[in-house]
C-alpha atoms as a PDB file:
ATOM      1  CA  MET A   1     -46.963  42.466  62.026  1.00  0.00           C
ATOM      2  CA  ALA A   2     -44.905  42.798  65.758  1.00  0.00           C
ATOM      3  CA  ARG A   3     -47.612  42.461  68.350  1.00  0.00           C
ATOM      4  CA  LYS A   4     -47.588  43.683  71.906  1.00  0.00           C
ATOM      5  CA  GLN A   5     -46.893  41.755  74.676  1.00  0.00           C
ATOM      6  CA  ASP A   6     -49.377  40.653  76.890  1.00  0.00           C
ATOM      7  CA  LYS A   7     -49.402  42.158  80.431  1.00  0.00           C
ATOM      8  CA  GLY A   8     -48.370  39.148  82.495  1.00  0.00           C
ATOM      9  CA  LYS A   9     -46.867  37.406  79.735  1.00  0.00           C
ATOM     10  CA  PRO A  10     -43.101  35.577  80.368  1.00  0.00           C
ATOM     11  CA  ALA A  11     -40.369  37.719  79.836  1.00  0.00           C
ATOM     12  CA  ALA A  12     -37.173  36.504  78.086  1.00  0.00           C
ATOM     13  CA  PRO A  13     -35.142  35.475  81.051  1.00  0.00           C
ATOM     14  CA  ALA A  14     -31.653  37.177  81.568  1.00  0.00           C
ATOM     15  CA  ALA A  15     -28.383  35.206  81.177  1.00  0.00           C
ATOM     16  CA  THR A  16     -27.146  34.456  84.949  1.00  0.00           C
ATOM     17  CA  ALA A  17     -25.239  31.908  86.779  1.00  0.00           C
ATOM     18  CA  GLU A  18     -26.735  28.228  86.762  1.00  0.00           C
ATOM     19  CA  PRO A  19     -28.457  28.405  90.406  1.00  0.00           C
ATOM     20  CA  ALA A  20     -26.537  25.923  92.533  1.00  0.00           C
ATOM     21  CA  GLY A  21     -29.761  24.768  94.395  1.00  0.00           C
ATOM     22  CA  PRO A  22     -32.024  21.731  92.654  1.00  0.00           C
ATOM     23  CA  LEU A  23     -35.675  22.834  92.012  1.00  0.00           C
ATOM     24  CA  SER A  24     -38.615  21.168  94.150  1.00  0.00           C
ATOM     25  CA  ARG A  25     -40.833  19.307  92.067  1.00  0.00           C
ATOM     26  CA  LYS A  26     -43.418  21.317  93.154  1.00  0.00           C
ATOM     27  CA  GLU A  27     -42.108  24.267  92.160  1.00  0.00           C
ATOM     28  CA  TYR A  28     -41.026  23.156  88.909  1.00  0.00           C
ATOM     29  CA  GLU A  29     -44.639  21.500  88.336  1.00  0.00           C
ATOM     30  CA  ARG A  30     -46.347  24.953  89.294  1.00  0.00           C
ATOM     31  CA  GLU A  31     -44.339  26.945  86.894  1.00  0.00           C
ATOM     32  CA  LEU A  32     -44.395  24.276  84.359  1.00  0.00           C
ATOM     33  CA  ARG A  33     -48.303  24.230  84.493  1.00  0.00           C
ATOM     34  CA  ARG A  34     -48.306  28.177  84.721  1.00  0.00           C
ATOM     35  CA  LEU A  35     -46.199  28.201  81.098  1.00  0.00           C
ATOM     36  CA  HIS A  36     -48.701  25.447  79.785  1.00  0.00           C
ATOM     37  CA  VAL A  37     -51.681  27.391  79.929  1.00  0.00           C
ATOM     38  CA  GLU A  38     -49.627  30.248  77.902  1.00  0.00           C
ATOM     39  CA  LEU A  39     -48.625  27.337  75.285  1.00  0.00           C
ATOM     40  CA  VAL A  40     -52.264  26.867  74.889  1.00  0.00           C
ATOM     41  CA  LYS A  41     -52.408  30.568  74.311  1.00  0.00           C
ATOM     42  CA  LEU A  42     -49.841  30.427  71.820  1.00  0.00           C
ATOM     43  CA  GLN A  43     -51.238  27.732  70.270  1.00  0.00           C
ATOM     44  CA  ARG A  44     -54.634  29.268  69.537  1.00  0.00           C
ATOM     45  CA  TRP A  45     -52.601  32.841  68.472  1.00  0.00           C
ATOM     46  CA  VAL A  46     -50.515  30.597  65.767  1.00  0.00           C
ATOM     47  CA  VAL A  47     -53.831  29.362  64.407  1.00  0.00           C
ATOM     48  CA  ASP A  48     -55.849  32.152  64.670  1.00  0.00           C
ATOM     49  CA  GLN A  49     -53.298  34.516  62.704  1.00  0.00           C
ATOM     50  CA  GLY A  50     -51.776  31.689  60.358  1.00  0.00           C
ATOM     51  CA  LEU A  51     -48.076  31.796  61.778  1.00  0.00           C
ATOM     52  CA  LYS A  52     -45.264  29.338  60.737  1.00  0.00           C
ATOM     53  CA  VAL A  53     -43.071  28.280  63.629  1.00  0.00           C
ATOM     54  CA  CYS A  54     -40.190  26.254  63.589  1.00  0.00           C
ATOM     55  CA  ILE A  55     -37.967  25.336  66.497  1.00  0.00           C
ATOM     56  CA  VAL A  56     -34.592  23.449  66.218  1.00  0.00           C
ATOM     57  CA  PHE A  57     -33.212  21.398  69.306  1.00  0.00           C
ATOM     58  CA  GLU A  58     -29.194  20.372  69.173  1.00  0.00           C
ATOM     59  CA  GLY A  59     -26.930  19.976  71.811  1.00  0.00           C
ATOM     60  CA  ARG A  60     -24.753  17.233  73.451  1.00  0.00           C
ATOM     61  CA  ASP A  61     -26.072  13.492  73.439  1.00  0.00           C
ATOM     62  CA  GLY A  62     -27.673  13.340  77.062  1.00  0.00           C
ATOM     63  CA  ALA A  63     -28.278  17.111  77.479  1.00  0.00           C
ATOM     64  CA  GLY A  64     -32.432  16.619  77.593  1.00  0.00           C
ATOM     65  CA  LYS A  65     -33.526  17.119  74.399  1.00  0.00           C
ATOM     66  CA  GLY A  66     -36.318  15.052  74.652  1.00  0.00           C
ATOM     67  CA  GLY A  67     -37.451  15.791  77.903  1.00  0.00           C
ATOM     68  CA  THR A  68     -37.420  19.515  77.038  1.00  0.00           C
ATOM     69  CA  ILE A  69     -39.478  18.635  73.959  1.00  0.00           C
ATOM     70  CA  LYS A  70     -42.168  16.562  76.094  1.00  0.00           C
ATOM     71  CA  ALA A  71     -42.710  19.135  78.381  1.00  0.00           C
ATOM     72  CA  LEU A  72     -43.270  21.674  75.713  1.00  0.00           C
ATOM     73  CA  THR A  73     -45.497  19.758  73.901  1.00  0.00           C
ATOM     74  CA  GLU A  74     -47.558  17.457  76.528  1.00  0.00           C
ATOM     75  CA  ARG A  75     -50.248  20.156  77.049  1.00  0.00           C
ATOM     76  CA  VAL A  76     -50.733  20.958  73.558  1.00  0.00           C
ATOM     77  CA  SER A  77     -51.989  19.511  70.060  1.00  0.00           C
ATOM     78  CA  PRO A  78     -50.118  17.385  68.316  1.00  0.00           C
ATOM     79  CA  ARG A  79     -51.474  18.360  64.906  1.00  0.00           C
ATOM     80  CA  ILE A  80     -50.548  21.830  65.327  1.00  0.00           C
ATOM     81  CA  PHE A  81     -47.411  21.547  67.550  1.00  0.00           C
ATOM     82  CA  ARG A  82     -45.602  18.446  65.235  1.00  0.00           C
ATOM     83  CA  VAL A  83     -42.668  16.726  66.519  1.00  0.00           C
ATOM     84  CA  VAL A  84     -40.252  15.640  63.801  1.00  0.00           C
ATOM     85  CA  ALA A  85     -37.192  13.353  64.266  1.00  0.00           C
ATOM     86  CA  LEU A  86     -35.908  11.951  61.337  1.00  0.00           C
ATOM     87  CA  PRO A  87     -34.404   8.659  61.201  1.00  0.00           C
ATOM     88  CA  ALA A  88     -30.988   7.949  59.322  1.00  0.00           C
ATOM     89  CA  PRO A  89     -31.369   9.043  55.678  1.00  0.00           C
ATOM     90  CA  THR A  90     -32.187   6.185  53.345  1.00  0.00           C
ATOM     91  CA  GLU A  91     -29.991   5.609  50.482  1.00  0.00           C
ATOM     92  CA  ARG A  92     -32.532   7.356  47.407  1.00  0.00           C
ATOM     93  CA  GLU A  93     -32.491  10.534  50.465  1.00  0.00           C
ATOM     94  CA  LYS A  94     -28.529   9.985  50.540  1.00  0.00           C
ATOM     95  CA  THR A  95     -28.734  11.017  46.879  1.00  0.00           C
ATOM     96  CA  GLN A  96     -30.697  13.785  47.193  1.00  0.00           C
ATOM     97  CA  MET A  97     -29.597  17.630  47.943  1.00  0.00           C
ATOM     98  CA  TYR A  98     -28.892  17.263  51.803  1.00  0.00           C
ATOM     99  CA  ILE A  99     -31.555  19.818  53.286  1.00  0.00           C
ATOM    100  CA  GLN A 100     -34.210  18.176  50.757  1.00  0.00           C
ATOM    101  CA  ARG A 101     -35.490  15.728  52.945  1.00  0.00           C
ATOM    102  CA  TYR A 102     -36.547  18.506  55.711  1.00  0.00           C
ATOM    103  CA  LEU A 103     -38.183  20.844  53.791  1.00  0.00           C
ATOM    104  CA  PRO A 104     -41.368  18.761  53.336  1.00  0.00           C
ATOM    105  CA  HIS A 105     -41.734  18.782  57.325  1.00  0.00           C
ATOM    106  CA  LEU A 106     -41.411  22.526  57.299  1.00  0.00           C
ATOM    107  CA  PRO A 107     -44.210  24.193  59.088  1.00  0.00           C
ATOM    108  CA  ALA A 108     -47.640  25.462  56.984  1.00  0.00           C
ATOM    109  CA  ALA A 109     -49.624  28.474  58.170  1.00  0.00           C
ATOM    110  CA  GLY A 110     -50.877  27.479  61.466  1.00  0.00           C
ATOM    111  CA  GLU A 111     -48.516  25.184  62.542  1.00  0.00           C
ATOM    112  CA  ILE A 112     -45.376  25.434  64.584  1.00  0.00           C
ATOM    113  CA  VAL A 113     -42.705  22.351  63.992  1.00  0.00           C
ATOM    114  CA  VAL A 114     -40.350  20.935  66.624  1.00  0.00           C
ATOM    115  CA  PHE A 115     -37.287  19.422  64.879  1.00  0.00           C
ATOM    116  CA  ASP A 116     -35.801  17.094  67.380  1.00  0.00           C
ATOM    117  CA  ARG A 117     -32.295  17.514  65.929  1.00  0.00           C
ATOM    118  CA  SER A 118     -31.998  18.890  62.246  1.00  0.00           C
ATOM    119  CA  TRP A 119     -30.300  19.522  59.258  1.00  0.00           C
ATOM    120  CA  TYR A 120     -27.356  20.671  61.719  1.00  0.00           C
ATOM    121  CA  ASN A 121     -26.688  17.123  61.873  1.00  0.00           C
ATOM    122  CA  ARG A 122     -24.329  17.287  59.220  1.00  0.00           C
ATOM    123  CA  ALA A 123     -22.386  19.999  61.120  1.00  0.00           C
ATOM    124  CA  GLY A 124     -22.173  17.887  64.103  1.00  0.00           C
ATOM    125  CA  VAL A 125     -22.848  13.914  64.315  1.00  0.00           C
ATOM    126  CA  GLU A 126     -21.926  13.286  60.462  1.00  0.00           C
ATOM    127  CA  ARG A 127     -19.178  15.341  60.419  1.00  0.00           C
ATOM    128  CA  VAL A 128     -17.353  13.923  63.437  1.00  0.00           C
ATOM    129  CA  MET A 129     -18.368  10.977  63.103  1.00  0.00           C
ATOM    130  CA  GLY A 130     -16.844  11.047  59.306  1.00  0.00           C
ATOM    131  CA  PHE A 131     -20.599  10.170  57.652  1.00  0.00           C
ATOM    132  CA  CYS A 132     -19.813  13.482  55.364  1.00  0.00           C
ATOM    133  CA  SER A 133     -16.997  14.609  54.078  1.00  0.00           C
ATOM    134  CA  GLU A 134     -15.189  17.871  55.236  1.00  0.00           C
ATOM    135  CA  GLU A 135     -15.887  19.121  52.188  1.00  0.00           C
ATOM    136  CA  GLN A 136     -19.559  18.569  52.592  1.00  0.00           C
ATOM    137  CA  ALA A 137     -19.745  19.608  55.938  1.00  0.00           C
ATOM    138  CA  GLN A 138     -17.701  23.348  54.886  1.00  0.00           C
ATOM    139  CA  SER A 139     -20.538  23.497  51.999  1.00  0.00           C
ATOM    140  CA  PHE A 140     -23.008  23.085  54.624  1.00  0.00           C
ATOM    141  CA  LEU A 141     -21.946  25.743  57.121  1.00  0.00           C
ATOM    142  CA  LYS A 142     -21.593  28.094  54.182  1.00  0.00           C
ATOM    143  CA  ALA A 143     -25.121  27.289  52.686  1.00  0.00           C
ATOM    144  CA  VAL A 144     -27.356  27.120  55.839  1.00  0.00           C
ATOM    145  CA  PRO A 145     -27.464  30.322  56.870  1.00  0.00           C
ATOM    146  CA  LEU A 146     -28.603  31.514  53.243  1.00  0.00           C
ATOM    147  CA  VAL A 147     -31.497  28.397  53.405  1.00  0.00           C
ATOM    148  CA  GLU A 148     -32.387  29.798  57.013  1.00  0.00           C
ATOM    149  CA  LYS A 149     -32.697  33.548  55.253  1.00  0.00           C
ATOM    150  CA  ALA A 150     -34.980  32.038  53.214  1.00  0.00           C
ATOM    151  CA  MET A 151     -36.910  30.276  55.519  1.00  0.00           C
ATOM    152  CA  VAL A 152     -37.555  33.354  57.597  1.00  0.00           C
ATOM    153  CA  ALA A 153     -38.142  35.612  54.231  1.00  0.00           C
ATOM    154  CA  SER A 154     -41.343  33.512  53.773  1.00  0.00           C
ATOM    155  CA  GLY A 155     -42.357  34.217  57.115  1.00  0.00           C
ATOM    156  CA  ILE A 156     -41.308  31.268  58.984  1.00  0.00           C
ATOM    157  CA  VAL A 157     -40.516  31.697  62.877  1.00  0.00           C
ATOM    158  CA  LEU A 158     -37.125  30.240  63.301  1.00  0.00           C
ATOM    159  CA  LEU A 159     -35.570  29.487  66.860  1.00  0.00           C
ATOM    160  CA  LYS A 160     -32.509  27.574  67.165  1.00  0.00           C
ATOM    161  CA  TYR A 161     -31.596  26.178  70.575  1.00  0.00           C
ATOM    162  CA  TRP A 162     -28.530  23.985  71.545  1.00  0.00           C
ATOM    163  CA  LEU A 163     -28.386  22.596  75.424  1.00  0.00           C
ATOM    164  CA  GLU A 164     -25.305  22.119  76.980  1.00  0.00           C
ATOM    165  CA  VAL A 165     -24.446  20.080  79.573  1.00  0.00           C
ATOM    166  CA  SER A 166     -21.098  19.389  81.251  1.00  0.00           C
ATOM    167  CA  PRO A 167     -19.305  16.455  80.734  1.00  0.00           C
ATOM    168  CA  GLU A 168     -19.396  15.125  84.203  1.00  0.00           C
ATOM    169  CA  GLU A 169     -22.995  15.355  84.237  1.00  0.00           C
ATOM    170  CA  GLN A 170     -23.118  13.609  80.817  1.00  0.00           C
ATOM    171  CA  THR A 171     -21.553  10.840  81.627  1.00  0.00           C
ATOM    172  CA  ARG A 172     -23.779  10.291  84.814  1.00  0.00           C
ATOM    173  CA  ARG A 173     -26.809  10.426  82.446  1.00  0.00           C
ATOM    174  CA  LEU A 174     -25.532   8.227  80.283  1.00  0.00           C
ATOM    175  CA  ALA A 175     -24.354   5.437  82.442  1.00  0.00           C
ATOM    176  CA  ALA A 176     -27.684   5.911  84.163  1.00  0.00           C
ATOM    177  CA  ARG A 177     -29.599   4.995  80.920  1.00  0.00           C
ATOM    178  CA  ILE A 178     -27.438   1.218  81.370  1.00  0.00           C
ATOM    179  CA  ASP A 179     -29.490  -0.106  83.816  1.00  0.00           C
ATOM    180  CA  ASP A 180     -32.839   1.589  83.490  1.00  0.00           C
ATOM    181  CA  GLY A 181     -35.263  -0.352  81.530  1.00  0.00           C
ATOM    182  CA  ARG A 182     -37.303   2.707  80.830  1.00  0.00           C
ATOM    183  CA  LYS A 183     -33.882   4.295  79.337  1.00  0.00           C
ATOM    184  CA  ILE A 184     -32.144   1.803  77.796  1.00  0.00           C
ATOM    185  CA  TRP A 185     -33.339   2.707  74.257  1.00  0.00           C
ATOM    186  CA  LYS A 186     -32.017   6.096  74.260  1.00  0.00           C
ATOM    187  CA  LEU A 187     -28.384   4.635  74.786  1.00  0.00           C
ATOM    188  CA  SER A 188     -27.573   3.983  71.132  1.00  0.00           C
ATOM    189  CA  PRO A 189     -24.587   2.384  69.414  1.00  0.00           C
ATOM    190  CA  MET A 190     -23.479   6.193  68.253  1.00  0.00           C
ATOM    191  CA  ASP A 191     -23.952   7.605  71.545  1.00  0.00           C
ATOM    192  CA  LEU A 192     -21.293   4.679  72.361  1.00  0.00           C
ATOM    193  CA  LYS A 193     -18.725   5.546  69.717  1.00  0.00           C
ATOM    194  CA  SER A 194     -19.247   9.547  70.424  1.00  0.00           C
ATOM    195  CA  TYR A 195     -18.682   9.173  74.001  1.00  0.00           C
ATOM    196  CA  ASP A 196     -14.836   9.527  73.363  1.00  0.00           C
ATOM    197  CA  ARG A 197     -15.390  12.366  71.108  1.00  0.00           C
ATOM    198  CA  TRP A 198     -16.021  15.294  73.652  1.00  0.00           C
ATOM    199  CA  ASP A 199     -13.631  17.762  72.261  1.00  0.00           C
ATOM    200  CA  ASP A 200     -14.235  17.023  68.644  1.00  0.00           C
ATOM    201  CA  TYR A 201     -17.858  17.578  69.164  1.00  0.00           C
ATOM    202  CA  THR A 202     -16.667  21.126  70.826  1.00  0.00           C
ATOM    203  CA  ARG A 203     -14.653  21.918  68.048  1.00  0.00           C
ATOM    204  CA  ALA A 204     -17.735  21.512  65.483  1.00  0.00           C
ATOM    205  CA  ARG A 205     -19.933  23.227  67.555  1.00  0.00           C
ATOM    206  CA  ASP A 206     -17.587  26.004  67.994  1.00  0.00           C
ATOM    207  CA  GLU A 207     -17.388  25.870  63.924  1.00  0.00           C
ATOM    208  CA  MET A 208     -21.228  25.810  63.374  1.00  0.00           C
ATOM    209  CA  PHE A 209     -22.127  28.540  65.730  1.00  0.00           C
ATOM    210  CA  ALA A 210     -19.105  31.082  64.037  1.00  0.00           C
ATOM    211  CA  ALA A 211     -20.727  29.700  60.683  1.00  0.00           C
ATOM    212  CA  THR A 212     -24.583  29.835  61.627  1.00  0.00           C
ATOM    213  CA  ASP A 213     -25.149  31.999  64.247  1.00  0.00           C
ATOM    214  CA  VAL A 214     -26.423  34.743  62.116  1.00  0.00           C
ATOM    215  CA  SER A 215     -28.851  37.827  62.978  1.00  0.00           C
ATOM    216  CA  TRP A 216     -31.659  36.470  61.229  1.00  0.00           C
ATOM    217  CA  ALA A 217     -31.678  33.065  62.877  1.00  0.00           C
ATOM    218  CA  PRO A 218     -29.119  33.859  65.963  1.00  0.00           C
ATOM    219  CA  TRP A 219     -28.782  30.283  68.153  1.00  0.00           C
ATOM    220  CA  TYR A 220     -29.703  30.043  72.105  1.00  0.00           C
ATOM    221  CA  VAL A 221     -27.518  28.493  74.044  1.00  0.00           C
ATOM    222  CA  ALA A 222     -29.334  26.363  77.096  1.00  0.00           C
ATOM    223  CA  ARG A 223     -27.489  25.024  80.157  1.00  0.00           C
ATOM    224  CA  SER A 224     -29.214  21.874  81.117  1.00  0.00           C
ATOM    225  CA  GLU A 225     -27.089  20.532  84.376  1.00  0.00           C
ATOM    226  CA  ASP A 226     -30.556  21.046  85.873  1.00  0.00           C
ATOM    227  CA  LYS A 227     -33.179  19.482  83.717  1.00  0.00           C
ATOM    228  CA  LYS A 228     -36.353  21.058  85.218  1.00  0.00           C
ATOM    229  CA  ARG A 229     -34.727  24.184  85.263  1.00  0.00           C
ATOM    230  CA  VAL A 230     -33.908  24.263  81.573  1.00  0.00           C
ATOM    231  CA  ARG A 231     -37.490  23.018  80.654  1.00  0.00           C
ATOM    232  CA  LEU A 232     -38.725  25.939  82.531  1.00  0.00           C
ATOM    233  CA  ASN A 233     -36.103  28.604  80.982  1.00  0.00           C
ATOM    234  CA  LEU A 234     -36.178  27.384  77.670  1.00  0.00           C
ATOM    235  CA  ILE A 235     -40.065  27.591  77.326  1.00  0.00           C
ATOM    236  CA  SER A 236     -40.179  30.964  78.986  1.00  0.00           C
ATOM    237  CA  HIS A 237     -37.768  31.910  76.113  1.00  0.00           C
ATOM    238  CA  LEU A 238     -39.599  30.527  73.494  1.00  0.00           C
ATOM    239  CA  LEU A 239     -42.795  32.220  74.847  1.00  0.00           C
ATOM    240  CA  ALA A 240     -40.995  35.924  75.015  1.00  0.00           C
ATOM    241  CA  HIS A 241     -39.958  35.370  71.257  1.00  0.00           C
ATOM    242  CA  VAL A 242     -42.658  34.279  69.231  1.00  0.00           C
ATOM    243  CA  PRO A 243     -45.088  37.330  69.710  1.00  0.00           C
ATOM    244  CA  TYR A 244     -48.750  36.724  70.607  1.00  0.00           C
ATOM    245  CA  GLN A 245     -51.782  37.710  72.513  1.00  0.00           C
ATOM    246  CA  ASP A 246     -54.345  35.750  75.061  1.00  0.00           C
ATOM    247  CA  LEU A 247     -57.478  35.281  72.581  1.00  0.00           C
ATOM    248  CA  GLY A 248     -59.487  34.953  75.758  1.00  0.00           C
ATOM    249  CA  MET A 249     -61.288  31.398  76.220  1.00  0.00           C
ATOM    250  CA  PRO A 250     -65.046  31.093  74.812  1.00  0.00           C
ATOM    251  CA  LYS A 251     -67.122  30.061  77.867  1.00  0.00           C
ATOM    252  CA  ILE A 252     -68.367  26.556  77.288  1.00  0.00           C
ATOM    253  CA  LYS A 253     -70.828  24.716  79.106  1.00  0.00           C
ATOM    254  CA  LEU A 254     -72.186  21.301  78.903  1.00  0.00           C
ATOM    255  CA  PRO A 255     -75.464  20.786  77.005  1.00  0.00           C
ATOM    256  CA  LYS A 256     -78.236  18.469  78.694  1.00  0.00           C
ATOM    257  CA  ARG A 257     -78.361  14.903  77.579  1.00  0.00           C
ATOM    258  CA  ARG A 258     -80.665  12.566  77.855  1.00  0.00           C
ATOM    259  CA  ILE A 259     -79.847   9.024  78.861  1.00  0.00           C
ATOM    260  CA  GLY A 260     -81.754   5.583  78.669  1.00  0.00           C
ATOM    261  CA  ARG A 261     -83.586   6.238  75.567  1.00  0.00           C
ATOM    262  CA  TYR A 262     -81.027   2.644  74.290  1.00  0.00           C
ATOM    263  CA  GLN A 263     -80.863  -0.419  76.192  1.00  0.00           C
ATOM    264  CA  ALA A 264     -77.129  -1.524  76.084  1.00  0.00           C
ATOM    265  CA  ALA A 265     -76.928  -4.923  74.370  1.00  0.00           C
ATOM    266  CA  GLU A 266     -75.607  -7.705  76.631  1.00  0.00           C
ATOM    267  CA  TYR A 267     -72.540  -8.433  75.115  1.00  0.00           C
ATOM    268  CA  PRO A 268     -69.517 -10.737  76.209  1.00  0.00           C
ATOM    269  CA  PHE A 269     -67.046  -7.655  76.169  1.00  0.00           C
ATOM    270  CA  ARG A 270     -63.509  -8.976  76.845  1.00  0.00           C
ATOM    271  CA  TYR A 271     -62.339  -6.941  79.605  1.00  0.00           C
ATOM    272  CA  VAL A 272     -58.974  -6.299  80.422  1.00  0.00           C
ATOM    273  CA  PRO A 273     -57.985  -7.806  83.264  1.00  0.00           C
ATOM    274  CA  GLU A 274     -58.149  -5.160  86.907  1.00  0.00           C
ATOM    275  CA  GLN A 275     -54.428  -6.591  88.231  1.00  0.00           C
ATOM    276  CA  PHE A 276     -53.859  -3.029  90.121  1.00  0.00           C
END
């Protein structure tokens, strides 16, 4: 049953032009903190009401999916907000019905599942890079709206996000990974092979939208030229599209405790060196 939106709850942002100026770190952290509080309220509501929420993240290489998912989940429980990032299929999984390996990861009551890439791999990288036939890709595009209709009919709240970035910004981000020891793991051999296939990915994206942007499971596109802005915009959009109420926080007071009834043993602990 739809619930009346709480007063003060973030509203869905309007589709406006990308702001020209960068967002300051101070402003970003202030807004993200406010949104994190709302995500905790959403988490409590999902558990209380037994909701099932499935969030799909797709988009260009380097568009910021990982950072957005981290911003979304860093202050909530990983037992309720579950992130699913499946590796390449095994030889056994290749023989299964395509979507079969994703089904066990769909949410049960009281769960929010976040897919860092999803079954839409077939419409994107698998199709463009030749890991499936064109016949298999077309069959997927015809079938997936029906599968998602069954998901929604079962009570799953399904949100699908596509992060879009310009070719210039993508190049800048991918190049920045090369010389950064913290990010080099993000630059996979597949990223390098895909780099010169921009137009092919654009065509695959457009055909995917045409086939799977349906009323019961629409696509939402987030411009991600500015990583800070896209994180705030997307979290705000999510909060506005999953009806929830603030259940209020129980009053918590630390109980009194007694210390000193047991004398600690003189054990030769191996302490970590304090180098910093």
